[in-house]
């Protein structure tokens, strides 16, 4: 019986490790102050998130490519730079895809 418990524990650790290594960039830490290339964005607005960090407001990419630091593409075609899932793209039709 103890052998089965160890096997399950090892399997659980392996699954957890695989999930952590394969995380999407939307969960990756972005240092406060990280900013995208402003020349490629439709606006230059910012907001203060719940952590007190200044974050670029959702904007459209002028080049059509995902901007540096974007974490999600909104349903209206703009890109979000949010550092938290909650509220991301809330005024832009919701999240179309996480980057």
Protein backbone atom coordinates (compact mmCIF):
# COMPACT_ATOMS: atom_id res chain seq x y z
CA UNK A 1 0.00 0.00 0.00
CA UNK A 2 2.81 2.43 0.84
CA UNK A 3 4.35 1.77 -2.60
CA UNK A 4 1.20 3.11 -4.30
CA UNK A 5 1.33 6.31 -2.21
CA UNK A 6 4.94 7.00 -3.22
CA UNK A 7 4.16 6.36 -6.87
CA UNK A 8 1.22 8.79 -6.73
CA UNK A 9 3.34 11.42 -4.99
CA UNK A 10 6.10 11.13 -7.62
CA UNK A 11 3.53 11.41 -10.41
CA UNK A 12 1.99 14.49 -8.77
CA UNK A 13 5.38 16.18 -8.47
CA UNK A 14 6.17 15.41 -12.11
CA UNK A 15 2.84 16.87 -13.29
CA UNK A 16 3.33 20.00 -11.18
CA UNK A 17 6.86 20.49 -12.53
CA UNK A 18 5.63 20.11 -16.11
CA UNK A 19 2.92 22.69 -15.53
CA UNK A 20 5.34 25.17 -13.99
CA UNK A 21 7.88 24.81 -16.79
CA UNK A 22 5.27 25.03 -19.54
CA UNK A 23 3.44 28.08 -18.22
CA UNK A 24 2.12 30.56 -20.70
CA UNK A 25 3.78 34.00 -20.82
CA UNK A 26 0.55 35.48 -19.46
CA UNK A 27 1.61 34.16 -16.07
CA UNK A 28 5.22 35.24 -16.37
CA UNK A 29 6.54 37.94 -14.08
CA UNK A 30 7.05 41.29 -15.75
CA UNK A 31 9.20 43.76 -13.89
CA UNK A 32 7.43 46.99 -12.93
CA UNK A 33 8.19 49.66 -15.50
CA UNK A 34 8.51 47.18 -18.40
CA UNK A 35 7.06 49.02 -21.37
CA UNK A 36 6.32 48.10 -24.95
CA UNK A 37 7.62 49.96 -27.99
CA UNK A 38 5.42 53.06 -27.89
CA UNK A 39 5.95 53.75 -31.60
CA UNK A 40 4.00 50.56 -32.42
CA UNK A 41 0.95 51.34 -30.25
CA UNK A 42 -2.25 53.25 -30.98
CA UNK A 43 -2.25 55.02 -27.60
CA UNK A 44 0.14 55.86 -24.82
CA UNK A 45 -2.21 55.63 -21.84
CA UNK A 46 -1.37 53.93 -18.56
CA UNK A 47 -3.17 52.91 -15.38
CA UNK A 48 -2.15 51.88 -11.88
CA UNK A 49 -2.90 48.23 -11.15
CA UNK A 50 -3.93 46.74 -7.80
CA UNK A 51 -0.25 46.28 -6.87
CA UNK A 52 0.42 49.99 -7.35
CA UNK A 53 2.43 49.43 -10.56
CA UNK A 54 1.98 51.56 -13.66
CA UNK A 55 0.85 49.40 -16.59
CA UNK A 56 0.28 50.33 -20.23
CA UNK A 57 -3.42 50.50 -21.04
CA UNK A 58 -4.77 48.18 -23.76
CA UNK A 59 -3.78 49.42 -27.22
CA UNK A 60 -3.82 48.31 -30.83
CA UNK A 61 -0.60 47.31 -32.54
CA UNK A 62 0.17 49.45 -35.58
CA UNK A 63 2.41 46.74 -37.07
CA UNK A 64 -0.17 43.99 -36.60
CA UNK A 65 2.25 41.98 -34.45
CA UNK A 66 1.84 41.33 -30.73
CA UNK A 67 3.69 44.13 -28.91
CA UNK A 68 6.56 43.39 -26.52
CA UNK A 69 5.18 42.82 -23.03
CA UNK A 70 1.59 42.12 -24.14
CA UNK A 71 -0.07 39.39 -22.11
CA UNK A 72 -3.39 39.00 -23.92
CA UNK A 73 -5.21 39.90 -27.12
CA UNK A 74 -8.63 41.40 -26.46
CA UNK A 75 -11.72 40.57 -28.51
CA UNK A 76 -11.74 44.08 -30.00
CA UNK A 77 -8.23 43.50 -31.43
CA UNK A 78 -6.30 45.51 -28.86
CA UNK A 79 -3.51 44.05 -26.73
CA UNK A 80 -3.48 44.07 -22.94
CA UNK A 81 -0.40 44.43 -20.76
CA UNK A 82 -2.20 43.36 -17.60
CA UNK A 83 -0.25 41.47 -14.95
CA UNK A 84 -3.34 39.79 -13.48
CA UNK A 85 -6.05 37.73 -15.17
CA UNK A 86 -8.87 39.39 -13.25
CA UNK A 87 -10.29 42.31 -15.24
CA UNK A 88 -8.03 41.84 -18.26
CA UNK A 89 -9.71 43.25 -21.41
CA UNK A 90 -12.86 44.00 -19.38
CA UNK A 91 -13.63 47.13 -21.40
CA UNK A 92 -12.47 45.57 -24.66
CA UNK A 93 -14.89 42.66 -25.04
CA UNK A 94 -12.95 40.21 -22.89
CA UNK A 95 -9.89 38.12 -23.62
CA UNK A 96 -9.72 36.53 -27.08
CA UNK A 97 -6.45 34.73 -26.32
CA UNK A 98 -3.66 34.72 -23.74
CA UNK A 99 -0.19 35.29 -25.13
